[in-house]
Structures are given as C-alpha cells and as structure tokens.
Amino acid sequence: MANILYLISVLMMLGMYTVAFTRVDMVMYENAMHVVKTVQAEQLVRSAIGIGLVRMGNNASVSNQSGNLVMGEGNATYTITRIGVTGTITASTTYYGVTVSSIAYVFYYHNRWRVQRIYY
C-alpha cells in the first residue's frame, strides 16, 4: 500500500511539473512572438524611412509628400515634411497588431539628404 501511495505521489509530481513546464513554454513562445513582430515592424518603419529618402533624392526643394508601403502583412505610411534645408520623415506601421512609429530628422548636405537622428 505504501508503494502505491509513493507511486501516485511521484506521478502527481511529474504531472505538476509537466503542466508547469507547458505553461512556461507557452509564455516564452508568446514573448518571443511579440519580440519578433516588434522587430519586423521596426524593419518595416526603417524601410518606409528609406523610401522617403529615395523620394527626396538630391532635390533640395522637395515638397511635402506622403506615401504608403505594403509588405506582406505589414502596412507602413510615411510623410515627408521639409522646412528649408532640414526636414522630417514620419513613419508608422502596424504589423500583426504591433504598431511602431518613428520620426527621422534629415538635413540637406553636399547635394543629398542625410539622416541626422531617428527616434522610435
């Protein structure tokens, strides 16, 4: 009888460990997926800023413009605002429910637009 109780308690402990491990594994998976989606959204925002720079090109008198970028499940929008020889590119994206916004400060120097700083 003692052996049966001992066996039941060992099996219960193993079951508890299995349940706890499964829950921890699921939490780690959810956190990893959130990080992956955030990184992908940041990459999409960077692409939108890059396309905004391409649209500005080497034109010092570029006017205010906006555009849209669609890649897979992500959709990014960017807006170019120029004030003299400085400007901003504001980009925002939503990728699988994760929203990332950024603003890039640019300036015109040596016949092209250069990124001074990007804030997320």
PDB file of N, CA and C in Angstrom:
ATOM      1  N   MET A   1       0.819  -1.191   0.000  1.00  0.00           N
ATOM      2  CA  MET A   1       0.000   0.000   0.000  1.00  0.00           C
ATOM      3  C   MET A   1       0.866   1.260   0.000  1.00  0.00           C
ATOM      4  N   ALA A   2       1.949   1.219   0.739  1.00  0.00           N
ATOM      5  CA  ALA A   2       2.853   2.372   0.789  1.00  0.00           C
ATOM      6  C   ALA A   2       3.488   2.604  -0.575  1.00  0.00           C
ATOM      7  N   ASN A   3       3.795   1.512  -1.274  1.00  0.00           N
ATOM      8  CA  ASN A   3       4.397   1.648  -2.597  1.00  0.00           C
ATOM      9  C   ASN A   3       3.425   2.298  -3.586  1.00  0.00           C
ATOM     10  N   ILE A   4       2.151   1.965  -3.460  1.00  0.00           N
ATOM     11  CA  ILE A   4       1.153   2.542  -4.356  1.00  0.00           C
ATOM     12  C   ILE A   4       1.006   4.034  -4.085  1.00  0.00           C
ATOM     13  N   LEU A   5       0.961   4.415  -2.785  1.00  0.00           N
ATOM     14  CA  LEU A   5       0.885   5.841  -2.446  1.00  0.00           C
ATOM     15  C   LEU A   5       2.122   6.590  -2.922  1.00  0.00           C
ATOM     16  N   TYR A   6       3.266   5.965  -2.765  1.00  0.00           N
ATOM     17  CA  TYR A   6       4.513   6.573  -3.217  1.00  0.00           C
ATOM     18  C   TYR A   6       4.481   6.760  -4.736  1.00  0.00           C
ATOM     19  N   LEU A   7       4.027   5.757  -5.482  1.00  0.00           N
ATOM     20  CA  LEU A   7       3.940   5.828  -6.935  1.00  0.00           C
ATOM     21  C   LEU A   7       2.949   6.906  -7.369  1.00  0.00           C
ATOM     22  N   ILE A   8       1.804   6.998  -6.697  1.00  0.00           N
ATOM     23  CA  ILE A   8       0.810   8.022  -7.020  1.00  0.00           C
ATOM     24  C   ILE A   8       1.386   9.413  -6.780  1.00  0.00           C
ATOM     25  N   SER A   9       2.100   9.614  -5.682  1.00  0.00           N
ATOM     26  CA  SER A   9       2.669  10.930  -5.386  1.00  0.00           C
ATOM     27  C   SER A   9       3.753  11.298  -6.402  1.00  0.00           C
ATOM     28  N   VAL A  10       4.545  10.329  -6.829  1.00  0.00           N
ATOM     29  CA  VAL A  10       5.571  10.599  -7.847  1.00  0.00           C
ATOM     30  C   VAL A  10       4.910  10.977  -9.170  1.00  0.00           C
ATOM     31  N   LEU A  11       3.859  10.261  -9.551  1.00  0.00           N
ATOM     32  CA  LEU A  11       3.158  10.569 -10.792  1.00  0.00           C
ATOM     33  C   LEU A  11       2.484  11.944 -10.727  1.00  0.00           C
ATOM     34  N   MET A  12       1.945  12.284  -9.575  1.00  0.00           N
ATOM     35  CA  MET A  12       1.329  13.608  -9.424  1.00  0.00           C
ATOM     36  C   MET A  12       2.377  14.712  -9.540  1.00  0.00           C
ATOM     37  N   MET A  13       3.540  14.492  -8.944  1.00  0.00           N
ATOM     38  CA  MET A  13       4.614  15.484  -9.051  1.00  0.00           C
ATOM     39  C   MET A  13       5.066  15.640 -10.504  1.00  0.00           C
ATOM     40  N   LEU A  14       5.198  14.533 -11.208  1.00  0.00           N
ATOM     41  CA  LEU A  14       5.574  14.599 -12.615  1.00  0.00           C
ATOM     42  C   LEU A  14       4.511  15.320 -13.434  1.00  0.00           C
ATOM     43  N   GLY A  15       3.252  15.075 -13.134  1.00  0.00           N
ATOM     44  CA  GLY A  15       2.166  15.772 -13.821  1.00  0.00           C
ATOM     45  C   GLY A  15       2.193  17.262 -13.553  1.00  0.00           C
ATOM     46  N   MET A  16       2.464  17.640 -12.298  1.00  0.00           N
ATOM     47  CA  MET A  16       2.548  19.066 -11.964  1.00  0.00           C
ATOM     48  C   MET A  16       3.712  19.726 -12.697  1.00  0.00           C
ATOM     49  N   TYR A  17       4.849  19.038 -12.738  1.00  0.00           N
ATOM     50  CA  TYR A  17       5.996  19.579 -13.468  1.00  0.00           C
ATOM     51  C   TYR A  17       5.664  19.728 -14.949  1.00  0.00           C
ATOM     52  N   THR A  18       4.958  18.775 -15.513  1.00  0.00           N
ATOM     53  CA  THR A  18       4.594  18.836 -16.927  1.00  0.00           C
ATOM     54  C   THR A  18       3.681  20.016 -17.191  1.00  0.00           C
ATOM     55  N   VAL A  19       2.688  20.218 -16.338  1.00  0.00           N
ATOM     56  CA  VAL A  19       1.765  21.345 -16.502  1.00  0.00           C
ATOM     57  C   VAL A  19       2.518  22.662 -16.353  1.00  0.00           C
ATOM     58  N   ALA A  20       3.380  22.763 -15.350  1.00  0.00           N
ATOM     59  CA  ALA A  20       4.143  23.994 -15.133  1.00  0.00           C
ATOM     60  C   ALA A  20       5.079  24.256 -16.313  1.00  0.00           C
ATOM     61  N   PHE A  21       5.746  23.221 -16.804  1.00  0.00           N
ATOM     62  CA  PHE A  21       6.651  23.390 -17.927  1.00  0.00           C
ATOM     63  C   PHE A  21       5.907  23.819 -19.182  1.00  0.00           C
ATOM     64  N   THR A  22       4.729  23.257 -19.406  1.00  0.00           N
ATOM     65  CA  THR A  22       3.933  23.623 -20.577  1.00  0.00           C
ATOM     66  C   THR A  22       3.528  25.086 -20.506  1.00  0.00           C
ATOM     67  N   ARG A  23       3.133  25.548 -19.339  1.00  0.00           N
ATOM     68  CA  ARG A  23       2.736  26.950 -19.173  1.00  0.00           C
ATOM     69  C   ARG A  23       3.928  27.879 -19.389  1.00  0.00           C
ATOM     70  N   VAL A  24       5.071  27.545 -18.827  1.00  0.00           N
ATOM     71  CA  VAL A  24       6.266  28.368 -19.013  1.00  0.00           C
ATOM     72  C   VAL A  24       6.662  28.390 -20.487  1.00  0.00           C
ATOM     73  N   ASP A  25       6.574  27.238 -21.134  1.00  0.00           N
ATOM     74  CA  ASP A  25       6.906  27.155 -22.548  1.00  0.00           C
ATOM     75  C   ASP A  25       5.978  28.041 -23.372  1.00  0.00           C
ATOM     76  N   MET A  26       4.698  28.057 -23.058  1.00  0.00           N
ATOM     77  CA  MET A  26       3.735  28.883 -23.783  1.00  0.00           C
ATOM     78  C   MET A  26       4.008  30.371 -23.555  1.00  0.00           C
ATOM     79  N   VAL A  27       4.338  30.756 -22.341  1.00  0.00           N
ATOM     80  CA  VAL A  27       4.648  32.162 -22.044  1.00  0.00           C
ATOM     81  C   VAL A  27       5.904  32.596 -22.806  1.00  0.00           C
ATOM     82  N   MET A  28       6.911  31.747 -22.829  1.00  0.00           N
ATOM     83  CA  MET A  28       8.135  32.072 -23.562  1.00  0.00           C
ATOM     84  C   MET A  28       7.851  32.202 -25.056  1.00  0.00           C
ATOM     85  N   TYR A  29       7.015  31.335 -25.589  1.00  0.00           N
ATOM     86  CA  TYR A  29       6.642  31.402 -27.008  1.00  0.00           C
ATOM     87  C   TYR A  29       5.920  32.707 -27.317  1.00  0.00           C
ATOM     88  N   GLU A  30       4.967  33.094 -26.460  1.00  0.00           N
ATOM     89  CA  GLU A  30       4.219  34.331 -26.677  1.00  0.00           C
ATOM     90  C   GLU A  30       5.137  35.544 -26.620  1.00  0.00           C
ATOM     91  N   ASN A  31       6.076  35.559 -25.671  1.00  0.00           N
ATOM     92  CA  ASN A  31       7.020  36.671 -25.580  1.00  0.00           C
ATOM     93  C   ASN A  31       7.923  36.725 -26.812  1.00  0.00           C
ATOM     94  N   ALA A  32       8.392  35.575 -27.262  1.00  0.00           N
ATOM     95  CA  ALA A  32       9.246  35.528 -28.449  1.00  0.00           C
ATOM     96  C   ALA A  32       8.490  36.027 -29.677  1.00  0.00           C
ATOM     97  N   MET A  33       7.239  35.631 -29.835  1.00  0.00           N
ATOM     98  CA  MET A  33       6.448  36.089 -30.983  1.00  0.00           C
ATOM     99  C   MET A  33       6.219  37.601 -30.937  1.00  0.00           C
ATOM    100  N   HIS A  34       6.003  38.151 -29.739  1.00  0.00           N
ATOM    101  CA  HIS A  34       5.827  39.594 -29.616  1.00  0.00           C
ATOM    102  C   HIS A  34       7.109  40.324 -30.015  1.00  0.00           C
ATOM    103  N   VAL A  35       8.246  39.817 -29.574  1.00  0.00           N
ATOM    104  CA  VAL A  35       9.527  40.435 -29.934  1.00  0.00           C
ATOM    105  C   VAL A  35       9.745  40.360 -31.442  1.00  0.00           C
ATOM    106  N   VAL A  36       9.449  39.210 -32.040  1.00  0.00           N
ATOM    107  CA  VAL A  36       9.622  39.050 -33.485  1.00  0.00           C
ATOM    108  C   VAL A  36       8.737  40.031 -34.244  1.00  0.00           C
ATOM    109  N   LYS A  37       7.496  40.174 -33.831  1.00  0.00           N
ATOM    110  CA  LYS A  37       6.588  41.096 -34.508  1.00  0.00           C
ATOM    111  C   LYS A  37       7.050  42.540 -34.356  1.00  0.00           C
ATOM    112  N   THR A  38       7.565  42.891 -33.174  1.00  0.00           N
ATOM    113  CA  THR A  38       8.059  44.245 -32.951  1.00  0.00           C
ATOM    114  C   THR A  38       9.275  44.534 -33.825  1.00  0.00           C
ATOM    115  N   VAL A  39      10.199  43.580 -33.896  1.00  0.00           N
ATOM    116  CA  VAL A  39      11.393  43.765 -34.726  1.00  0.00           C
ATOM    117  C   VAL A  39      11.005  43.901 -36.195  1.00  0.00           C
ATOM    118  N   GLN A  40      10.072  43.078 -36.654  1.00  0.00           N
ATOM    119  CA  GLN A  40       9.624  43.171 -38.041  1.00  0.00           C
ATOM    120  C   GLN A  40       8.950  44.516 -38.316  1.00  0.00           C
ATOM    121  N   ALA A  41       8.170  45.002 -37.351  1.00  0.00           N
ATOM    122  CA  ALA A  41       7.523  46.306 -37.525  1.00  0.00           C
ATOM    123  C   ALA A  41       8.566  47.414 -37.588  1.00  0.00           C
ATOM    124  N   GLU A  42       9.617  47.320 -36.764  1.00  0.00           N
ATOM    125  CA  GLU A  42      10.689  48.317 -36.815  1.00  0.00           C
ATOM    126  C   GLU A  42      11.404  48.276 -38.158  1.00  0.00           C
ATOM    127  N   GLN A  43      11.630  47.087 -38.697  1.00  0.00           N
ATOM    128  CA  GLN A  43      12.264  46.975 -40.010  1.00  0.00           C
ATOM    129  C   GLN A  43      11.383  47.588 -41.098  1.00  0.00           C
ATOM    130  N   LEU A  44      10.090  47.412 -40.986  1.00  0.00           N
ATOM    131  CA  LEU A  44       9.166  47.986 -41.954  1.00  0.00           C
ATOM    132  C   LEU A  44       9.178  49.512 -41.871  1.00  0.00           C
ATOM    133  N   VAL A  45       9.270  50.046 -40.655  1.00  0.00           N
ATOM    134  CA  VAL A  45       9.357  51.501 -40.482  1.00  0.00           C
ATOM    135  C   VAL A  45      10.660  52.019 -41.087  1.00  0.00           C
ATOM    136  N   ARG A  46      11.756  51.299 -40.860  1.00  0.00           N
ATOM    137  CA  ARG A  46      13.032  51.711 -41.448  1.00  0.00           C
ATOM    138  C   ARG A  46      12.956  51.699 -42.980  1.00  0.00           C
ATOM    139  N   SER A  47      12.277  50.719 -43.541  1.00  0.00           N
ATOM    140  CA  SER A  47      12.104  50.669 -44.995  1.00  0.00           C
ATOM    141  C   SER A  47      11.309  51.870 -45.487  1.00  0.00           C
ATOM    142  N   ALA A  48      10.276  52.253 -44.744  1.00  0.00           N
ATOM    143  CA  ALA A  48       9.472  53.416 -45.132  1.00  0.00           C
ATOM    144  C   ALA A  48      10.309  54.688 -45.080  1.00  0.00           C
ATOM    145  N   ILE A  49      11.169  54.812 -44.071  1.00  0.00           N
ATOM    146  CA  ILE A  49      12.053  55.980 -43.989  1.00  0.00           C
ATOM    147  C   ILE A  49      13.032  55.971 -45.163  1.00  0.00           C
ATOM    148  N   GLY A  50      13.563  54.808 -45.501  1.00  0.00           N
ATOM    149  CA  GLY A  50      14.469  54.696 -46.639  1.00  0.00           C
ATOM    150  C   GLY A  50      13.794  55.086 -47.943  1.00  0.00           C
ATOM    151  N   ILE A  51      12.563  54.647 -48.138  1.00  0.00           N
ATOM    152  CA  ILE A  51      11.838  55.014 -49.356  1.00  0.00           C
ATOM    153  C   ILE A  51      11.537  56.504 -49.365  1.00  0.00           C
ATOM    154  N   GLY A  52      11.269  57.063 -48.204  1.00  0.00           N
ATOM    155  CA  GLY A  52      11.087  58.517 -48.120  1.00  0.00           C
ATOM    156  C   GLY A  52      12.350  59.264 -48.526  1.00  0.00           C
ATOM    157  N   LEU A  53      13.503  58.758 -48.099  1.00  0.00           N
ATOM    158  CA  LEU A  53      14.767  59.385 -48.506  1.00  0.00           C
ATOM    159  C   LEU A  53      14.986  59.258 -50.008  1.00  0.00           C
ATOM    160  N   VAL A  54      14.626  58.110 -50.564  1.00  0.00           N
ATOM    161  CA  VAL A  54      14.763  57.939 -52.014  1.00  0.00           C
ATOM    162  C   VAL A  54      13.854  58.921 -52.747  1.00  0.00           C
ATOM    163  N   ARG A  55      12.648  59.113 -52.225  1.00  0.00           N
ATOM    164  CA  ARG A  55      11.725  60.063 -52.857  1.00  0.00           C
ATOM    165  C   ARG A  55      12.264  61.492 -52.786  1.00  0.00           C
ATOM    166  N   MET A  56      12.996  61.799 -51.712  1.00  0.00           N
ATOM    167  CA  MET A  56      13.592  63.136 -51.586  1.00  0.00           C
ATOM    168  C   MET A  56      14.769  63.282 -52.539  1.00  0.00           C
ATOM    169  N   GLY A  57      15.524  62.186 -52.708  1.00  0.00           N
ATOM    170  CA  GLY A  57      16.648  62.180 -53.639  1.00  0.00           C
ATOM    171  C   GLY A  57      17.653  63.273 -53.363  1.00  0.00           C
ATOM    172  N   ASN A  58      18.146  63.905 -54.405  1.00  0.00           N
ATOM    173  CA  ASN A  58      19.085  65.022 -54.234  1.00  0.00           C
ATOM    174  C   ASN A  58      18.406  66.351 -54.545  1.00  0.00           C
ATOM    175  N   ASN A  59      17.097  66.392 -54.387  1.00  0.00           N
ATOM    176  CA  ASN A  59      16.304  67.571 -54.661  1.00  0.00           C
ATOM    177  C   ASN A  59      16.204  68.411 -53.390  1.00  0.00           C
ATOM    178  N   ALA A  60      16.879  69.549 -53.369  1.00  0.00           N
ATOM    179  CA  ALA A  60      16.875  70.402 -52.181  1.00  0.00           C
ATOM    180  C   ALA A  60      15.528  71.083 -51.974  1.00  0.00           C
ATOM    181  N   SER A  61      14.732  71.198 -53.020  1.00  0.00           N
ATOM    182  CA  SER A  61      13.457  71.898 -52.906  1.00  0.00           C
ATOM    183  C   SER A  61      12.273  70.934 -52.974  1.00  0.00           C
ATOM    184  N   VAL A  62      12.465  69.729 -52.443  1.00  0.00           N
ATOM    185  CA  VAL A  62      11.395  68.738 -52.470  1.00  0.00           C
ATOM    186  C   VAL A  62      10.207  69.248 -51.653  1.00  0.00           C
ATOM    187  N   SER A  63       9.010  69.009 -52.154  1.00  0.00           N
ATOM    188  CA  SER A  63       7.824  69.467 -51.442  1.00  0.00           C
ATOM    189  C   SER A  63       7.353  68.387 -50.471  1.00  0.00           C
ATOM    190  N   ASN A  64       6.397  68.749 -49.651  1.00  0.00           N
ATOM    191  CA  ASN A  64       5.850  67.795 -48.688  1.00  0.00           C
ATOM    192  C   ASN A  64       5.137  66.674 -49.433  1.00  0.00           C
ATOM    193  N   GLN A  65       5.456  65.433 -49.071  1.00  0.00           N
ATOM    194  CA  GLN A  65       4.895  64.275 -49.742  1.00  0.00           C
ATOM    195  C   GLN A  65       4.505  63.230 -48.710  1.00  0.00           C
ATOM    196  N   SER A  66       3.704  62.282 -49.146  1.00  0.00           N
ATOM    197  CA  SER A  66       3.375  61.136 -48.294  1.00  0.00           C
ATOM    198  C   SER A  66       3.249  59.915 -49.181  1.00  0.00           C
ATOM    199  N   GLY A  67       3.367  58.765 -48.573  1.00  0.00           N
ATOM    200  CA  GLY A  67       3.276  57.538 -49.348  1.00  0.00           C
ATOM    201  C   GLY A  67       2.898  56.371 -48.464  1.00  0.00           C
ATOM    202  N   ASN A  68       2.713  55.232 -49.098  1.00  0.00           N
ATOM    203  CA  ASN A  68       2.278  54.024 -48.414  1.00  0.00           C
ATOM    204  C   ASN A  68       3.151  52.864 -48.889  1.00  0.00           C
ATOM    205  N   LEU A  69       3.502  51.986 -47.975  1.00  0.00           N
ATOM    206  CA  LEU A  69       4.337  50.828 -48.278  1.00  0.00           C
ATOM    207  C   LEU A  69       3.648  49.589 -47.731  1.00  0.00           C
ATOM    208  N   VAL A  70       3.424  48.605 -48.594  1.00  0.00           N
ATOM    209  CA  VAL A  70       2.770  47.369 -48.169  1.00  0.00           C
ATOM    210  C   VAL A  70       3.739  46.218 -48.412  1.00  0.00           C
ATOM    211  N   MET A  71       4.033  45.474 -47.357  1.00  0.00           N
ATOM    212  CA  MET A  71       4.918  44.317 -47.457  1.00  0.00           C
ATOM    213  C   MET A  71       4.326  43.190 -46.628  1.00  0.00           C
ATOM    214  N   GLY A  72       3.862  42.151 -47.263  1.00  0.00           N
ATOM    215  CA  GLY A  72       3.298  41.011 -46.543  1.00  0.00           C
ATOM    216  C   GLY A  72       2.109  41.427 -45.711  1.00  0.00           C
ATOM    217  N   GLU A  73       2.190  41.185 -44.424  1.00  0.00           N
ATOM    218  CA  GLU A  73       1.100  41.532 -43.506  1.00  0.00           C
ATOM    219  C   GLU A  73       1.256  42.927 -42.924  1.00  0.00           C
ATOM    220  N   GLY A  74       2.311  43.639 -43.311  1.00  0.00           N
ATOM    221  CA  GLY A  74       2.552  44.962 -42.748  1.00  0.00           C
ATOM    222  C   GLY A  74       2.170  46.061 -43.713  1.00  0.00           C
ATOM    223  N   ASN A  75       1.801  47.188 -43.151  1.00  0.00           N
ATOM    224  CA  ASN A  75       1.425  48.355 -43.923  1.00  0.00           C
ATOM    225  C   ASN A  75       2.070  49.561 -43.256  1.00  0.00           C
ATOM    226  N   ALA A  76       2.940  50.272 -43.977  1.00  0.00           N
ATOM    227  CA  ALA A  76       3.629  51.433 -43.406  1.00  0.00           C
ATOM    228  C   ALA A  76       3.259  52.671 -44.200  1.00  0.00           C
ATOM    229  N   THR A  77       3.093  53.769 -43.499  1.00  0.00           N
ATOM    230  CA  THR A  77       2.864  55.055 -44.142  1.00  0.00           C
ATOM    231  C   THR A  77       3.978  56.002 -43.730  1.00  0.00           C
ATOM    232  N   TYR A  78       4.352  56.893 -44.635  1.00  0.00           N
ATOM    233  CA  TYR A  78       5.373  57.873 -44.301  1.00  0.00           C
ATOM    234  C   TYR A  78       4.945  59.230 -44.839  1.00  0.00           C
ATOM    235  N   THR A  79       5.410  60.263 -44.161  1.00  0.00           N
ATOM    236  CA  THR A  79       5.115  61.631 -44.542  1.00  0.00           C
ATOM    237  C   THR A  79       6.408  62.430 -44.501  1.00  0.00           C
ATOM    238  N   ILE A  80       6.698  63.133 -45.579  1.00  0.00           N
ATOM    239  CA  ILE A  80       7.897  63.956 -45.671  1.00  0.00           C
ATOM    240  C   ILE A  80       7.484  65.406 -45.464  1.00  0.00           C
ATOM    241  N   THR A  81       8.140  66.068 -44.523  1.00  0.00           N
ATOM    242  CA  THR A  81       7.897  67.478 -44.266  1.00  0.00           C
ATOM    243  C   THR A  81       9.234  68.196 -44.348  1.00  0.00           C
ATOM    244  N   ARG A  82       9.319  69.200 -45.220  1.00  0.00           N
ATOM    245  CA  ARG A  82      10.576  69.925 -45.393  1.00  0.00           C
ATOM    246  C   ARG A  82      10.416  71.351 -44.911  1.00  0.00           C
ATOM    247  N   ILE A  83      11.421  71.815 -44.166  1.00  0.00           N
ATOM    248  CA  ILE A  83      11.472  73.198 -43.701  1.00  0.00           C
ATOM    249  C   ILE A  83      12.879  73.697 -44.031  1.00  0.00           C
ATOM    250  N   GLY A  84      13.023  74.421 -45.101  1.00  0.00           N
ATOM    251  CA  GLY A  84      14.342  74.909 -45.518  1.00  0.00           C
ATOM    252  C   GLY A  84      15.233  73.747 -45.920  1.00  0.00           C
ATOM    253  N   VAL A  85      16.425  73.677 -45.320  1.00  0.00           N
ATOM    254  CA  VAL A  85      17.359  72.589 -45.628  1.00  0.00           C
ATOM    255  C   VAL A  85      17.263  71.467 -44.596  1.00  0.00           C
ATOM    256  N   THR A  86      16.252  71.517 -43.753  1.00  0.00           N
ATOM    257  CA  THR A  86      16.007  70.427 -42.805  1.00  0.00           C
ATOM    258  C   THR A  86      14.619  69.871 -43.073  1.00  0.00           C
ATOM    259  N   GLY A  87      14.377  68.719 -42.525  1.00  0.00           N
ATOM    260  CA  GLY A  87      13.067  68.114 -42.720  1.00  0.00           C
ATOM    261  C   GLY A  87      12.873  66.933 -41.793  1.00  0.00           C
ATOM    262  N   THR A  88      11.699  66.372 -41.858  1.00  0.00           N
ATOM    263  CA  THR A  88      11.385  65.182 -41.076  1.00  0.00           C
ATOM    264  C   THR A  88      10.687  64.173 -41.964  1.00  0.00           C
ATOM    265  N   ILE A  89      10.919  62.914 -41.641  1.00  0.00           N
ATOM    266  CA  ILE A  89      10.174  61.824 -42.254  1.00  0.00           C
ATOM    267  C   ILE A  89       9.507  61.089 -41.101  1.00  0.00           C
ATOM    268  N   THR A  90       8.200  61.149 -41.067  1.00  0.00           N
ATOM    269  CA  THR A  90       7.430  60.469 -40.030  1.00  0.00           C
ATOM    270  C   THR A  90       6.871  59.188 -40.618  1.00  0.00           C
ATOM    271  N   ALA A  91       7.149  58.074 -39.962  1.00  0.00           N
ATOM    272  CA  ALA A  91       6.686  56.782 -40.465  1.00  0.00           C
ATOM    273  C   ALA A  91       5.952  56.036 -39.356  1.00  0.00           C
ATOM    274  N   SER A  92       4.936  55.288 -39.757  1.00  0.00           N
ATOM    275  CA  SER A  92       4.161  54.498 -38.812  1.00  0.00           C
ATOM    276  C   SER A  92       3.752  53.202 -39.495  1.00  0.00           C
ATOM    277  N   THR A  93       3.737  52.116 -38.737  1.00  0.00           N
ATOM    278  CA  THR A  93       3.351  50.830 -39.300  1.00  0.00           C
ATOM    279  C   THR A  93       2.584  50.013 -38.283  1.00  0.00           C
ATOM    280  N   THR A  94       1.784  49.108 -38.795  1.00  0.00           N
ATOM    281  CA  THR A  94       1.105  48.102 -37.974  1.00  0.00           C
ATOM    282  C   THR A  94       1.412  46.748 -38.590  1.00  0.00           C
ATOM    283  N   TYR A  95       1.982  45.872 -37.798  1.00  0.00           N
ATOM    284  CA  TYR A  95       2.373  44.554 -38.284  1.00  0.00           C
ATOM    285  C   TYR A  95       1.846  43.516 -37.304  1.00  0.00           C
ATOM    286  N   TYR A  96       0.869  42.724 -37.724  1.00  0.00           N
ATOM    287  CA  TYR A  96       0.224  41.714 -36.869  1.00  0.00           C
ATOM    288  C   TYR A  96      -0.190  42.295 -35.520  1.00  0.00           C
ATOM    289  N   GLY A  97      -0.761  43.476 -35.533  1.00  0.00           N
ATOM    290  CA  GLY A  97      -1.272  44.085 -34.313  1.00  0.00           C
ATOM    291  C   GLY A  97      -0.257  44.896 -33.528  1.00  0.00           C
ATOM    292  N   VAL A  98       1.007  44.881 -33.910  1.00  0.00           N
ATOM    293  CA  VAL A  98       2.034  45.663 -33.231  1.00  0.00           C
ATOM    294  C   VAL A  98       2.236  46.952 -34.018  1.00  0.00           C
ATOM    295  N   THR A  99       2.070  48.099 -33.351  1.00  0.00           N
ATOM    296  CA  THR A  99       2.207  49.395 -34.005  1.00  0.00           C
ATOM    297  C   THR A  99       3.516  50.044 -33.574  1.00  0.00           C
ATOM    298  N   VAL A 100       4.286  50.502 -34.548  1.00  0.00           N
ATOM    299  CA  VAL A 100       5.548  51.194 -34.290  1.00  0.00           C
ATOM    300  C   VAL A 100       5.534  52.494 -35.073  1.00  0.00           C
ATOM    301  N   SER A 101       5.904  53.580 -34.419  1.00  0.00           N
ATOM    302  CA  SER A 101       6.016  54.882 -35.077  1.00  0.00           C
ATOM    303  C   SER A 101       7.421  55.413 -34.887  1.00  0.00           C
ATOM    304  N   SER A 102       7.888  56.170 -35.846  1.00  0.00           N
ATOM    305  CA  SER A 102       9.212  56.777 -35.727  1.00  0.00           C
ATOM    306  C   SER A 102       9.227  58.091 -36.476  1.00  0.00           C
ATOM    307  N   ILE A 103      10.211  58.902 -36.123  1.00  0.00           N
ATOM    308  CA  ILE A 103      10.420  60.165 -36.809  1.00  0.00           C
ATOM    309  C   ILE A 103      11.919  60.288 -37.079  1.00  0.00           C
ATOM    310  N   ALA A 104      12.250  60.615 -38.311  1.00  0.00           N
ATOM    311  CA  ALA A 104      13.649  60.783 -38.709  1.00  0.00           C
ATOM    312  C   ALA A 104      13.874  62.252 -39.053  1.00  0.00           C
ATOM    313  N   TYR A 105      14.884  62.832 -38.452  1.00  0.00           N
ATOM    314  CA  TYR A 105      15.261  64.207 -38.772  1.00  0.00           C
ATOM    315  C   TYR A 105      16.345  64.151 -39.838  1.00  0.00           C
ATOM    316  N   VAL A 106      16.124  64.868 -40.925  1.00  0.00           N
ATOM    317  CA  VAL A 106      17.055  64.853 -42.051  1.00  0.00           C
ATOM    318  C   VAL A 106      17.508  66.280 -42.346  1.00  0.00           C
ATOM    319  N   PHE A 107      18.648  66.391 -43.007  1.00  0.00           N
ATOM    320  CA  PHE A 107      19.141  67.692 -43.436  1.00  0.00           C
ATOM    321  C   PHE A 107      19.817  67.540 -44.792  1.00  0.00           C
ATOM    322  N   TYR A 108      19.841  68.627 -45.529  1.00  0.00           N
ATOM    323  CA  TYR A 108      20.417  68.611 -46.870  1.00  0.00           C
ATOM    324  C   TYR A 108      21.877  69.048 -46.765  1.00  0.00           C
ATOM    325  N   TYR A 109      22.780  68.193 -47.225  1.00  0.00           N
ATOM    326  CA  TYR A 109      24.211  68.464 -47.102  1.00  0.00           C
ATOM    327  C   TYR A 109      24.937  67.796 -48.263  1.00  0.00           C
ATOM    328  N   HIS A 110      25.790  68.539 -48.949  1.00  0.00           N
ATOM    329  CA  HIS A 110      26.576  68.041 -50.082  1.00  0.00           C
ATOM    330  C   HIS A 110      25.695  67.354 -51.131  1.00  0.00           C
ATOM    331  N   ASN A 111      24.679  68.054 -51.527  1.00  0.00           N
ATOM    332  CA  ASN A 111      23.826  67.634 -52.640  1.00  0.00           C
ATOM    333  C   ASN A 111      23.012  66.365 -52.371  1.00  0.00           C
ATOM    334  N   ARG A 112      22.714  66.075 -51.117  1.00  0.00           N
ATOM    335  CA  ARG A 112      21.818  64.953 -50.816  1.00  0.00           C
ATOM    336  C   ARG A 112      21.262  65.090 -49.403  1.00  0.00           C
ATOM    337  N   TRP A 113      20.172  64.386 -49.171  1.00  0.00           N
ATOM    338  CA  TRP A 113      19.541  64.388 -47.852  1.00  0.00           C
ATOM    339  C   TRP A 113      20.204  63.329 -46.980  1.00  0.00           C
ATOM    340  N   ARG A 114      20.509  63.687 -45.751  1.00  0.00           N
ATOM    341  CA  ARG A 114      21.158  62.752 -44.812  1.00  0.00           C
ATOM    342  C   ARG A 114      20.326  62.663 -43.528  1.00  0.00           C
ATOM    343  N   VAL A 115      20.322  61.488 -42.965  1.00  0.00           N
ATOM    344  CA  VAL A 115      19.584  61.269 -41.706  1.00  0.00           C
ATOM    345  C   VAL A 115      20.455  61.745 -40.547  1.00  0.00           C
ATOM    346  N   GLN A 116      19.887  62.616 -39.754  1.00  0.00           N
ATOM    347  CA  GLN A 116      20.611  63.092 -38.574  1.00  0.00           C
ATOM    348  C   GLN A 116      20.304  62.215 -37.363  1.00  0.00           C
ATOM    349  N   ARG A 117      19.019  61.882 -37.169  1.00  0.00           N
ATOM    350  CA  ARG A 117      18.626  61.115 -35.999  1.00  0.00           C
ATOM    351  C   ARG A 117      17.281  60.440 -36.268  1.00  0.00           C
ATOM    352  N   ILE A 118      17.103  59.229 -35.754  1.00  0.00           N
ATOM    353  CA  ILE A 118      15.818  58.524 -35.860  1.00  0.00           C
ATOM    354  C   ILE A 118      15.343  58.211 -34.433  1.00  0.00           C
ATOM    355  N   TYR A 119      14.124  58.594 -34.142  1.00  0.00           N
ATOM    356  CA  TYR A 119      13.515  58.307 -32.838  1.00  0.00           C
ATOM    357  C   TYR A 119      12.374  57.312 -33.029  1.00  0.00           C
ATOM    358  N   TYR A 120      12.302  56.318 -32.153  1.00  0.00           N
ATOM    359  CA  TYR A 120      11.210  55.332 -32.193  1.00  0.00           C
ATOM    360  C   TYR A 120      10.290  55.545 -31.032  1.00  0.00           C
TER     361      TYR A 120
END
